[in-house]
C-alpha atoms as a PDB file:
ATOM      1  CA  MET A   1     -43.656  28.666   4.457  1.00  0.00           C
ATOM      2  CA  SER A   2     -40.516  29.590   2.491  1.00  0.00           C
ATOM      3  CA  GLN A   3     -37.713  27.061   2.236  1.00  0.00           C
ATOM      4  CA  THR A   4     -34.061  27.801   2.970  1.00  0.00           C
ATOM      5  CA  PRO A   5     -32.215  28.102  -0.364  1.00  0.00           C
ATOM      6  CA  LEU A   6     -29.759  25.318  -1.049  1.00  0.00           C
ATOM      7  CA  PRO A   7     -26.055  26.083  -1.571  1.00  0.00           C
ATOM      8  CA  PRO A   8     -24.732  25.863  -5.162  1.00  0.00           C
ATOM      9  CA  LEU A   9     -24.538  22.253  -6.365  1.00  0.00           C
ATOM     10  CA  ASN A  10     -20.890  22.593  -7.477  1.00  0.00           C
ATOM     11  CA  ALA A  11     -19.939  23.706  -3.969  1.00  0.00           C
ATOM     12  CA  LEU A  12     -21.731  20.719  -2.447  1.00  0.00           C
ATOM     13  CA  ARG A  13     -20.074  18.321  -4.927  1.00  0.00           C
ATOM     14  CA  SER A  14     -16.666  19.762  -4.060  1.00  0.00           C
ATOM     15  CA  PHE A  15     -17.373  19.422  -0.338  1.00  0.00           C
ATOM     16  CA  GLU A  16     -18.685  15.857  -0.670  1.00  0.00           C
ATOM     17  CA  ALA A  17     -15.644  14.729  -2.674  1.00  0.00           C
ATOM     18  CA  THR A  18     -13.178  16.413  -0.295  1.00  0.00           C
ATOM     19  CA  ALA A  19     -14.837  14.888   2.765  1.00  0.00           C
ATOM     20  CA  ARG A  20     -15.160  11.429   1.200  1.00  0.00           C
ATOM     21  CA  LEU A  21     -11.639  11.266  -0.238  1.00  0.00           C
ATOM     22  CA  GLY A  22      -9.905  13.055   2.629  1.00  0.00           C
ATOM     23  CA  GLY A  23      -8.222  15.910   0.808  1.00  0.00           C
ATOM     24  CA  VAL A  24      -8.593  18.771  -1.642  1.00  0.00           C
ATOM     25  CA  GLY A  25      -6.084  17.263  -4.085  1.00  0.00           C
ATOM     26  CA  ARG A  26      -7.892  13.928  -4.249  1.00  0.00           C
ATOM     27  CA  ALA A  27     -11.219  15.714  -4.718  1.00  0.00           C
ATOM     28  CA  ALA A  28      -9.753  17.762  -7.556  1.00  0.00           C
ATOM     29  CA  GLU A  29      -8.553  14.620  -9.325  1.00  0.00           C
ATOM     30  CA  ALA A  30     -11.887  12.855  -8.828  1.00  0.00           C
ATOM     31  CA  LEU A  31     -13.845  15.805 -10.253  1.00  0.00           C
ATOM     32  CA  HIS A  32     -11.239  16.588 -12.956  1.00  0.00           C
ATOM     33  CA  VAL A  33     -10.742  20.206 -11.877  1.00  0.00           C
ATOM     34  CA  THR A  34      -7.866  22.127 -10.301  1.00  0.00           C
ATOM     35  CA  HIS A  35      -6.908  22.306  -6.634  1.00  0.00           C
ATOM     36  CA  GLY A  36      -7.770  26.016  -6.691  1.00  0.00           C
ATOM     37  CA  ALA A  37     -11.244  25.358  -8.082  1.00  0.00           C
ATOM     38  CA  ILE A  38     -12.070  23.000  -5.211  1.00  0.00           C
ATOM     39  CA  SER A  39     -10.715  25.483  -2.654  1.00  0.00           C
ATOM     40  CA  ARG A  40     -12.857  28.281  -4.104  1.00  0.00           C
ATOM     41  CA  GLN A  41     -15.987  26.130  -3.964  1.00  0.00           C
ATOM     42  CA  LEU A  42     -15.292  25.199  -0.336  1.00  0.00           C
ATOM     43  CA  ARG A  43     -14.864  28.856   0.613  1.00  0.00           C
ATOM     44  CA  LEU A  44     -18.109  29.688  -1.208  1.00  0.00           C
ATOM     45  CA  LEU A  45     -19.935  26.952   0.701  1.00  0.00           C
ATOM     46  CA  GLU A  46     -18.592  28.075   4.082  1.00  0.00           C
ATOM     47  CA  GLU A  47     -19.604  31.667   3.324  1.00  0.00           C
ATOM     48  CA  HIS A  48     -23.082  30.545   2.271  1.00  0.00           C
ATOM     49  CA  LEU A  49     -23.577  28.502   5.443  1.00  0.00           C
ATOM     50  CA  GLY A  50     -21.703  30.810   7.801  1.00  0.00           C
ATOM     51  CA  VAL A  51     -19.749  27.924   9.365  1.00  0.00           C
ATOM     52  CA  THR A  52     -16.290  26.374   9.124  1.00  0.00           C
ATOM     53  CA  LEU A  53     -16.396  22.926   7.542  1.00  0.00           C
ATOM     54  CA  PHE A  54     -12.716  21.926   7.532  1.00  0.00           C
ATOM     55  CA  GLU A  55      -9.666  22.515   9.695  1.00  0.00           C
ATOM     56  CA  ARG A  56      -6.115  22.047   8.466  1.00  0.00           C
ATOM     57  CA  GLU A  57      -4.327  18.979   9.837  1.00  0.00           C
ATOM     58  CA  GLY A  58      -0.726  18.668   8.713  1.00  0.00           C
ATOM     59  CA  ARG A  59      -0.812  18.594   4.916  1.00  0.00           C
ATOM     60  CA  GLY A  60      -4.459  17.527   4.869  1.00  0.00           C
ATOM     61  CA  VAL A  61      -7.817  18.631   6.227  1.00  0.00           C
ATOM     62  CA  ARG A  62     -10.131  17.440   9.004  1.00  0.00           C
ATOM     63  CA  LEU A  63     -13.892  17.871   9.232  1.00  0.00           C
ATOM     64  CA  THR A  64     -15.287  20.119  11.937  1.00  0.00           C
ATOM     65  CA  ALA A  65     -18.475  19.148  13.789  1.00  0.00           C
ATOM     66  CA  ALA A  66     -20.478  21.179  11.266  1.00  0.00           C
ATOM     67  CA  GLY A  67     -18.617  19.492   8.413  1.00  0.00           C
ATOM     68  CA  THR A  68     -19.322  16.042   9.815  1.00  0.00           C
ATOM     69  CA  ALA A  69     -23.045  16.812  10.005  1.00  0.00           C
ATOM     70  CA  LEU A  70     -23.117  18.108   6.435  1.00  0.00           C
ATOM     71  CA  GLN A  71     -21.106  15.132   5.186  1.00  0.00           C
ATOM     72  CA  ALA A  72     -23.693  12.716   6.589  1.00  0.00           C
ATOM     73  CA  ALA A  73     -26.472  14.574   4.773  1.00  0.00           C
ATOM     74  CA  CYS A  74     -24.513  14.850   1.507  1.00  0.00           C
ATOM     75  CA  ASP A  75     -23.467  11.213   1.601  1.00  0.00           C
ATOM     76  CA  GLY A  76     -27.055  10.035   1.697  1.00  0.00           C
ATOM     77  CA  ALA A  77     -28.252  12.548  -0.902  1.00  0.00           C
ATOM     78  CA  PHE A  78     -25.464  11.938  -3.415  1.00  0.00           C
ATOM     79  CA  THR A  79     -25.739   8.176  -2.978  1.00  0.00           C
ATOM     80  CA  GLN A  80     -29.434   8.345  -3.847  1.00  0.00           C
ATOM     81  CA  ILE A  81     -28.679  10.492  -6.895  1.00  0.00           C
ATOM     82  CA  ARG A  82     -25.898   8.146  -8.075  1.00  0.00           C
ATOM     83  CA  ASP A  83     -28.140   5.116  -7.618  1.00  0.00           C
ATOM     84  CA  ALA A  84     -30.945   6.772  -9.579  1.00  0.00           C
ATOM     85  CA  VAL A  85     -28.587   7.755 -12.411  1.00  0.00           C
ATOM     86  CA  ASP A  86     -27.104   4.254 -12.438  1.00  0.00           C
ATOM     87  CA  ARG A  87     -30.574   2.697 -12.745  1.00  0.00           C
ATOM     88  CA  LEU A  88     -31.504   5.042 -15.591  1.00  0.00           C
ATOM     89  CA  GLN A  89     -28.297   4.297 -17.487  1.00  0.00           C
ATOM     90  CA  ARG A  90     -28.727   0.571 -17.015  1.00  0.00           C
ATOM     91  CA  ARG A  91     -32.235   0.780 -18.465  1.00  0.00           C
ATOM     92  CA  GLN A  92     -30.825   2.501 -21.535  1.00  0.00           C
ATOM     93  CA  ARG A  93     -28.110  -0.138 -21.951  1.00  0.00           C
ATOM     94  CA  PRO A  94     -29.138  -3.133 -19.860  1.00  0.00           C
ATOM     95  CA  ASP A  95     -26.454  -5.296 -21.458  1.00  0.00           C
ATOM     96  CA  ALA A  96     -23.534  -2.957 -20.651  1.00  0.00           C
ATOM     97  CA  LEU A  97     -20.896  -3.882 -18.080  1.00  0.00           C
ATOM     98  CA  VAL A  98     -20.339  -0.842 -15.855  1.00  0.00           C
ATOM     99  CA  LEU A  99     -16.576  -0.599 -15.306  1.00  0.00           C
ATOM    100  CA  GLY A 100     -14.886   1.951 -13.060  1.00  0.00           C
ATOM    101  CA  CYS A 101     -11.289   3.142 -13.229  1.00  0.00           C
ATOM    102  CA  SER A 102      -9.345   6.343 -12.639  1.00  0.00           C
ATOM    103  CA  GLY A 103      -9.385   9.050 -15.275  1.00  0.00           C
ATOM    104  CA  SER A 104      -5.627   8.703 -15.778  1.00  0.00           C
ATOM    105  CA  ILE A 105      -5.807   4.964 -16.453  1.00  0.00           C
ATOM    106  CA  LEU A 106      -8.797   5.467 -18.729  1.00  0.00           C
ATOM    107  CA  ALA A 107      -7.139   8.241 -20.751  1.00  0.00           C
ATOM    108  CA  ARG A 108      -3.587   6.900 -20.992  1.00  0.00           C
ATOM    109  CA  TRP A 109      -4.055   3.130 -21.060  1.00  0.00           C
ATOM    110  CA  MET A 110      -7.614   1.999 -21.732  1.00  0.00           C
ATOM    111  CA  ILE A 111      -8.758   4.376 -24.479  1.00  0.00           C
ATOM    112  CA  PRO A 112      -5.787   3.602 -26.780  1.00  0.00           C
ATOM    113  CA  ARG A 113      -6.630  -0.107 -26.402  1.00  0.00           C
ATOM    114  CA  LEU A 114     -10.386   0.122 -26.923  1.00  0.00           C
ATOM    115  CA  PRO A 115     -10.192  -0.808 -30.628  1.00  0.00           C
ATOM    116  CA  THR A 116      -8.324  -3.990 -29.670  1.00  0.00           C
ATOM    117  CA  LEU A 117     -10.805  -4.728 -26.886  1.00  0.00           C
ATOM    118  CA  GLN A 118     -13.774  -4.241 -29.210  1.00  0.00           C
ATOM    119  CA  ALA A 119     -12.184  -6.452 -31.865  1.00  0.00           C
ATOM    120  CA  GLU A 120     -11.279  -9.267 -29.489  1.00  0.00           C
ATOM    121  CA  LEU A 121     -14.374  -9.125 -27.247  1.00  0.00           C
ATOM    122  CA  PRO A 122     -17.030  -7.842 -29.673  1.00  0.00           C
ATOM    123  CA  GLN A 123     -19.948  -9.003 -27.504  1.00  0.00           C
ATOM    124  CA  LEU A 124     -18.745  -7.037 -24.477  1.00  0.00           C
ATOM    125  CA  ALA A 125     -20.502  -3.667 -24.193  1.00  0.00           C
ATOM    126  CA  LEU A 126     -18.898  -1.341 -21.639  1.00  0.00           C
ATOM    127  CA  HIS A 127     -20.103   1.722 -19.793  1.00  0.00           C
ATOM    128  CA  TRP A 128     -17.203   3.645 -18.231  1.00  0.00           C
ATOM    129  CA  SER A 129     -17.368   5.315 -14.842  1.00  0.00           C
ATOM    130  CA  ALA A 130     -14.496   7.549 -13.676  1.00  0.00           C
ATOM    131  CA  GLN A 131     -13.677   6.442 -10.127  1.00  0.00           C
ATOM    132  CA  ASP A 132     -10.940   7.414  -7.689  1.00  0.00           C
ATOM    133  CA  GLY A 133      -9.825   5.826  -4.458  1.00  0.00           C
ATOM    134  CA  SER A 134      -9.725   2.099  -3.780  1.00  0.00           C
ATOM    135  CA  PHE A 135     -12.438  -0.300  -2.622  1.00  0.00           C
ATOM    136  CA  THR A 136     -15.032   2.360  -1.831  1.00  0.00           C
ATOM    137  CA  GLU A 137     -18.711   1.818  -1.160  1.00  0.00           C
ATOM    138  CA  GLN A 138     -19.527   3.667  -4.355  1.00  0.00           C
ATOM    139  CA  GLN A 139     -17.345   1.296  -6.371  1.00  0.00           C
ATOM    140  CA  GLN A 140     -19.243  -1.713  -5.032  1.00  0.00           C
ATOM    141  CA  ALA A 141     -22.315  -0.476  -6.910  1.00  0.00           C
ATOM    142  CA  LEU A 142     -20.453  -1.018 -10.211  1.00  0.00           C
ATOM    143  CA  ASP A 143     -20.111  -4.316 -12.038  1.00  0.00           C
ATOM    144  CA  ALA A 144     -16.318  -4.134 -11.688  1.00  0.00           C
ATOM    145  CA  VAL A 145     -13.500  -1.670 -11.004  1.00  0.00           C
ATOM    146  CA  LEU A 146      -9.942  -1.605 -12.361  1.00  0.00           C
ATOM    147  CA  LEU A 147      -7.512  -0.491  -9.655  1.00  0.00           C
ATOM    148  CA  LEU A 148      -3.882  -0.121  -8.714  1.00  0.00           C
ATOM    149  CA  ALA A 149      -3.846  -1.334  -5.118  1.00  0.00           C
ATOM    150  CA  GLN A 150      -1.872  -3.205  -2.488  1.00  0.00           C
ATOM    151  CA  PRO A 151      -2.942  -6.234  -0.414  1.00  0.00           C
ATOM    152  CA  PRO A 152      -4.303  -7.275   1.989  1.00  0.00           C
ATOM    153  CA  TRP A 153      -7.613  -7.082   0.165  1.00  0.00           C
ATOM    154  CA  PRO A 154     -10.584  -5.816   2.172  1.00  0.00           C
ATOM    155  CA  ARG A 155     -13.513  -7.981   3.135  1.00  0.00           C
ATOM    156  CA  GLY A 156     -16.556  -7.841   0.920  1.00  0.00           C
ATOM    157  CA  TRP A 157     -14.575  -7.870  -2.321  1.00  0.00           C
ATOM    158  CA  GLN A 158     -13.530 -10.478  -4.857  1.00  0.00           C
ATOM    159  CA  VAL A 159     -10.153  -9.380  -6.229  1.00  0.00           C
ATOM    160  CA  ARG A 160      -8.518 -10.726  -9.393  1.00  0.00           C
ATOM    161  CA  GLU A 161      -4.793  -9.940  -9.493  1.00  0.00           C
ATOM    162  CA  LEU A 162      -3.960  -9.098 -13.099  1.00  0.00           C
ATOM    163  CA  ALA A 163      -0.274  -8.147 -12.905  1.00  0.00           C
ATOM    164  CA  PRO A 164       2.250  -6.816 -10.387  1.00  0.00           C
ATOM    165  CA  GLU A 165       2.509  -3.040 -10.323  1.00  0.00           C
ATOM    166  CA  ARG A 166       5.905  -1.819 -11.520  1.00  0.00           C
ATOM    167  CA  VAL A 167       7.004   1.813 -11.408  1.00  0.00           C
ATOM    168  CA  GLY A 168      10.076   3.627 -12.627  1.00  0.00           C
ATOM    169  CA  VAL A 169      11.661   6.972 -13.361  1.00  0.00           C
ATOM    170  CA  VAL A 170      10.936   8.372 -16.824  1.00  0.00           C
ATOM    171  CA  VAL A 171      12.338  11.361 -18.668  1.00  0.00           C
ATOM    172  CA  SER A 172      12.094  12.766 -22.186  1.00  0.00           C
ATOM    173  CA  PRO A 173      15.254  12.361 -24.286  1.00  0.00           C
ATOM    174  CA  GLN A 174      14.883  16.102 -24.990  1.00  0.00           C
ATOM    175  CA  HIS A 175      15.270  16.972 -21.308  1.00  0.00           C
ATOM    176  CA  THR A 176      18.647  18.444 -20.386  1.00  0.00           C
ATOM    177  CA  ALA A 177      19.292  15.778 -17.731  1.00  0.00           C
ATOM    178  CA  ALA A 178      18.426  12.768 -19.911  1.00  0.00           C
ATOM    179  CA  ALA A 179      21.907  12.000 -21.222  1.00  0.00           C
ATOM    180  CA  ARG A 180      23.484  12.354 -17.792  1.00  0.00           C
ATOM    181  CA  LEU A 181      20.917  10.192 -16.004  1.00  0.00           C
ATOM    182  CA  ARG A 182      21.241   7.363 -18.545  1.00  0.00           C
ATOM    183  CA  HIS A 183      24.856   6.793 -17.551  1.00  0.00           C
ATOM    184  CA  GLN A 184      24.706   7.416 -13.797  1.00  0.00           C
ATOM    185  CA  PRO A 185      23.404   5.401 -10.816  1.00  0.00           C
ATOM    186  CA  PRO A 186      20.093   6.429  -9.187  1.00  0.00           C
ATOM    187  CA  HIS A 187      21.720   8.800  -6.687  1.00  0.00           C
ATOM    188  CA  ALA A 188      22.332  11.176  -9.626  1.00  0.00           C
ATOM    189  CA  LEU A 189      18.656  12.054  -9.347  1.00  0.00           C
ATOM    190  CA  LEU A 190      19.038  13.665  -5.926  1.00  0.00           C
ATOM    191  CA  GLY A 191      19.880  17.095  -7.303  1.00  0.00           C
ATOM    192  CA  GLU A 192      17.183  17.063  -9.976  1.00  0.00           C
ATOM    193  CA  PRO A 193      13.780  18.791  -9.490  1.00  0.00           C
ATOM    194  CA  LEU A 194      11.164  16.047  -9.726  1.00  0.00           C
ATOM    195  CA  LEU A 195       7.686  16.219 -11.209  1.00  0.00           C
ATOM    196  CA  HIS A 196       5.177  14.788  -8.751  1.00  0.00           C
ATOM    197  CA  THR A 197       1.443  14.318  -8.198  1.00  0.00           C
ATOM    198  CA  THR A 198      -0.674  14.844  -5.098  1.00  0.00           C
ATOM    199  CA  SER A 199      -2.703  11.719  -5.893  1.00  0.00           C
ATOM    200  CA  ARG A 200       0.313   9.500  -5.114  1.00  0.00           C
ATOM    201  CA  PRO A 201       2.561  11.428  -2.721  1.00  0.00           C
ATOM    202  CA  GLN A 202       4.247   8.216  -1.571  1.00  0.00           C
ATOM    203  CA  ALA A 203       5.555   7.283  -5.041  1.00  0.00           C
ATOM    204  CA  TRP A 204       8.883   9.125  -4.930  1.00  0.00           C
ATOM    205  CA  PRO A 205       9.740   8.287  -1.277  1.00  0.00           C
ATOM    206  CA  GLU A 206       9.031   4.595  -1.867  1.00  0.00           C
ATOM    207  CA  TRP A 207      11.160   4.602  -5.024  1.00  0.00           C
ATOM    208  CA  ALA A 208      14.015   6.274  -3.158  1.00  0.00           C
ATOM    209  CA  LEU A 209      13.910   3.727  -0.341  1.00  0.00           C
ATOM    210  CA  SER A 210      13.873   0.832  -2.829  1.00  0.00           C
ATOM    211  CA  HIS A 211      17.108   2.211  -4.328  1.00  0.00           C
ATOM    212  CA  GLY A 212      18.846   2.815  -0.999  1.00  0.00           C
ATOM    213  CA  LEU A 213      18.356   6.583  -1.075  1.00  0.00           C
ATOM    214  CA  ASP A 214      17.164   8.941   1.640  1.00  0.00           C
ATOM    215  CA  PRO A 215      13.719  10.323   0.626  1.00  0.00           C
ATOM    216  CA  ALA A 216      14.485  13.526   2.539  1.00  0.00           C
ATOM    217  CA  GLN A 217      17.169  14.319  -0.045  1.00  0.00           C
ATOM    218  CA  LEU A 218      14.715  14.306  -2.952  1.00  0.00           C
ATOM    219  CA  GLN A 219      14.005  17.694  -4.477  1.00  0.00           C
ATOM    220  CA  LEU A 220      10.361  18.007  -5.534  1.00  0.00           C
ATOM    221  CA  GLY A 221       9.676  20.394  -8.370  1.00  0.00           C
ATOM    222  CA  THR A 222       6.389  21.079 -10.180  1.00  0.00           C
ATOM    223  CA  GLY A 223       3.358  19.247  -8.806  1.00  0.00           C
ATOM    224  CA  PHE A 224       0.192  18.141 -10.619  1.00  0.00           C
ATOM    225  CA  GLU A 225      -3.234  17.111  -9.383  1.00  0.00           C
ATOM    226  CA  HIS A 226      -3.607  14.315 -11.943  1.00  0.00           C
ATOM    227  CA  LEU A 227      -1.189  11.600 -13.020  1.00  0.00           C
ATOM    228  CA  TYR A 228      -2.306  12.168 -16.606  1.00  0.00           C
ATOM    229  CA  PHE A 229      -1.016  15.758 -16.541  1.00  0.00           C
ATOM    230  CA  LEU A 230       2.203  14.677 -14.831  1.00  0.00           C
ATOM    231  CA  LEU A 231       3.008  12.264 -17.648  1.00  0.00           C
ATOM    232  CA  GLU A 232       2.068  14.762 -20.354  1.00  0.00           C
ATOM    233  CA  ALA A 233       4.541  17.166 -18.745  1.00  0.00           C
ATOM    234  CA  ALA A 234       7.241  14.480 -18.749  1.00  0.00           C
ATOM    235  CA  VAL A 235       6.675  13.732 -22.451  1.00  0.00           C
ATOM    236  CA  ALA A 236       6.908  17.464 -23.155  1.00  0.00           C
ATOM    237  CA  GLY A 237      10.379  17.486 -21.568  1.00  0.00           C
ATOM    238  CA  LEU A 238       9.389  19.561 -18.546  1.00  0.00           C
ATOM    239  CA  GLY A 239      11.040  17.327 -15.964  1.00  0.00           C
ATOM    240  CA  VAL A 240      11.700  13.891 -14.511  1.00  0.00           C
ATOM    241  CA  ALA A 241       8.640  11.859 -13.465  1.00  0.00           C
ATOM    242  CA  ILE A 242       7.751   8.536 -11.903  1.00  0.00           C
ATOM    243  CA  ALA A 243       5.074   6.314 -13.412  1.00  0.00           C
ATOM    244  CA  PRO A 244       3.515   2.844 -13.558  1.00  0.00           C
ATOM    245  CA  GLU A 245       5.097   0.989 -16.481  1.00  0.00           C
ATOM    246  CA  PRO A 246       1.918   0.274 -18.523  1.00  0.00           C
ATOM    247  CA  LEU A 247       0.938   3.948 -18.539  1.00  0.00           C
ATOM    248  CA  VAL A 248       4.161   4.911 -20.321  1.00  0.00           C
ATOM    249  CA  ALA A 249       4.765   1.755 -22.377  1.00  0.00           C
ATOM    250  CA  ASP A 250       3.671   3.371 -25.643  1.00  0.00           C
ATOM    251  CA  GLU A 251       5.911   6.423 -25.073  1.00  0.00           C
ATOM    252  CA  LEU A 252       8.867   4.167 -24.222  1.00  0.00           C
ATOM    253  CA  ALA A 253       8.346   2.100 -27.369  1.00  0.00           C
ATOM    254  CA  ALA A 254       8.160   5.256 -29.484  1.00  0.00           C
ATOM    255  CA  GLY A 255      11.239   6.799 -27.852  1.00  0.00           C
ATOM    256  CA  ARG A 256       9.301   9.739 -26.441  1.00  0.00           C
ATOM    257  CA  LEU A 257      10.359   8.709 -22.914  1.00  0.00           C
ATOM    258  CA  LEU A 258      13.362   6.907 -21.445  1.00  0.00           C
ATOM    259  CA  ALA A 259      13.508   4.822 -18.250  1.00  0.00           C
ATOM    260  CA  PRO A 260      17.133   5.154 -17.062  1.00  0.00           C
ATOM    261  CA  TRP A 261      16.885   2.500 -14.328  1.00  0.00           C
ATOM    262  CA  GLY A 262      14.004   0.395 -15.568  1.00  0.00           C
ATOM    263  CA  PHE A 263      10.981  -0.509 -13.483  1.00  0.00           C
ATOM    264  CA  GLY A 264      10.632  -2.218 -10.125  1.00  0.00           C
ATOM    265  CA  ALA A 265       7.785  -3.919  -8.281  1.00  0.00           C
ATOM    266  CA  THR A 266       6.010  -1.907  -5.583  1.00  0.00           C
ATOM    267  CA  GLY A 267       4.285  -4.826  -3.861  1.00  0.00           C
ATOM    268  CA  GLY A 268       0.987  -3.661  -5.347  1.00  0.00           C
ATOM    269  CA  PHE A 269      -1.059  -5.060  -8.219  1.00  0.00           C
ATOM    270  CA  TRP A 270      -3.269  -4.113 -11.088  1.00  0.00           C
ATOM    271  CA  VAL A 271      -6.546  -5.718 -10.040  1.00  0.00           C
ATOM    272  CA  LEU A 272     -10.075  -6.149 -11.337  1.00  0.00           C
ATOM    273  CA  ALA A 273     -12.370  -6.148  -8.326  1.00  0.00           C
ATOM    274  CA  THR A 274     -16.053  -6.901  -7.832  1.00  0.00           C
ATOM    275  CA  ARG A 275     -18.250  -7.089  -4.782  1.00  0.00           C
ATOM    276  CA  ALA A 276     -18.001 -10.474  -3.088  1.00  0.00           C
ATOM    277  CA  GLY A 277     -20.385 -13.075  -4.447  1.00  0.00           C
ATOM    278  CA  ALA A 278     -20.931 -11.361  -7.801  1.00  0.00           C
ATOM    279  CA  GLN A 279     -20.838 -13.829 -10.673  1.00  0.00           C
ATOM    280  CA  ASP A 280     -20.559 -12.489 -14.216  1.00  0.00           C
ATOM    281  CA  ALA A 281     -18.979 -14.271 -17.168  1.00  0.00           C
ATOM    282  CA  ARG A 282     -18.275 -10.890 -18.775  1.00  0.00           C
ATOM    283  CA  VAL A 283     -16.035  -9.940 -15.848  1.00  0.00           C
ATOM    284  CA  GLU A 284     -14.072 -13.171 -16.226  1.00  0.00           C
ATOM    285  CA  ALA A 285     -13.575 -12.534 -19.953  1.00  0.00           C
ATOM    286  CA  LEU A 286     -12.509  -8.960 -19.305  1.00  0.00           C
ATOM    287  CA  SER A 287     -10.140 -10.084 -16.537  1.00  0.00           C
ATOM    288  CA  ASP A 288      -8.372 -12.501 -18.903  1.00  0.00           C
ATOM    289  CA  TRP A 289      -8.101  -9.826 -21.579  1.00  0.00           C
ATOM    290  CA  LEU A 290      -6.695  -7.214 -19.187  1.00  0.00           C
ATOM    291  CA  ALA A 291      -4.149  -9.643 -17.782  1.00  0.00           C
ATOM    292  CA  GLU A 292      -2.968 -10.472 -21.291  1.00  0.00           C
ATOM    293  CA  GLN A 293      -2.659  -6.791 -22.203  1.00  0.00           C
ATOM    294  CA  LEU A 294      -0.685  -6.050 -19.037  1.00  0.00           C
ATOM    295  CA  ARG A 295       1.729  -8.847 -19.873  1.00  0.00           C
END
């Protein structure tokens, strides 16, 4: 008896990430591809199956009945694959601490500090896992996960607060608006096209409210799927961006970026989280080191 051919794996991965994370933009960031690439894979999957998997809902998407059924199957299958890969990797490096964090944090903050980490904690072997979202079931399978998140903290987790999250407006000194913004109050930003990212759509509105401005008056310009690309564009002088302070600290120190109005607390934290009940001296050592670096 012949078996029904499976859809392409890339299409299934794109579907699983979109369904799990609740949007095409978040899936694109998690898989490190473009928004258009995810959309093409979803169309390919729907054509292969002959069903509609998602319906548009406002600025997001909602699973259809067929999509819900496929998500349940994919969730179980991909979880089994991830668990198998995790076991294989742990056998290869049984002493490694498996640490998850977003690709943007890994690229812009952690990798430049790895030499310092290796020098100061030479016995700590790390295996990195790119993770998006906050406090997911998948993240609980890791030894620890480094997150930017806001309380209250969910049940089932042990959360170590490393430092308050602080965000601010940043702009290259080469940008045409830099000189003007440095000498004006925040409302001067209202007429300026703003770089933004789909992974944190609330960042600009929250900043505006904290400075007594109407978010509806903000003018959004070029958008990016990943925070990493957003900040690269800001350094290149392509526009005004908003960013967590640690991710732009090196550029500020070098004068490649300016922060006209400094940085303010969001109410969130940088945290190192583990599943509740997990005890690991390596996590405690890493937590202390991260907190010191963030200070």
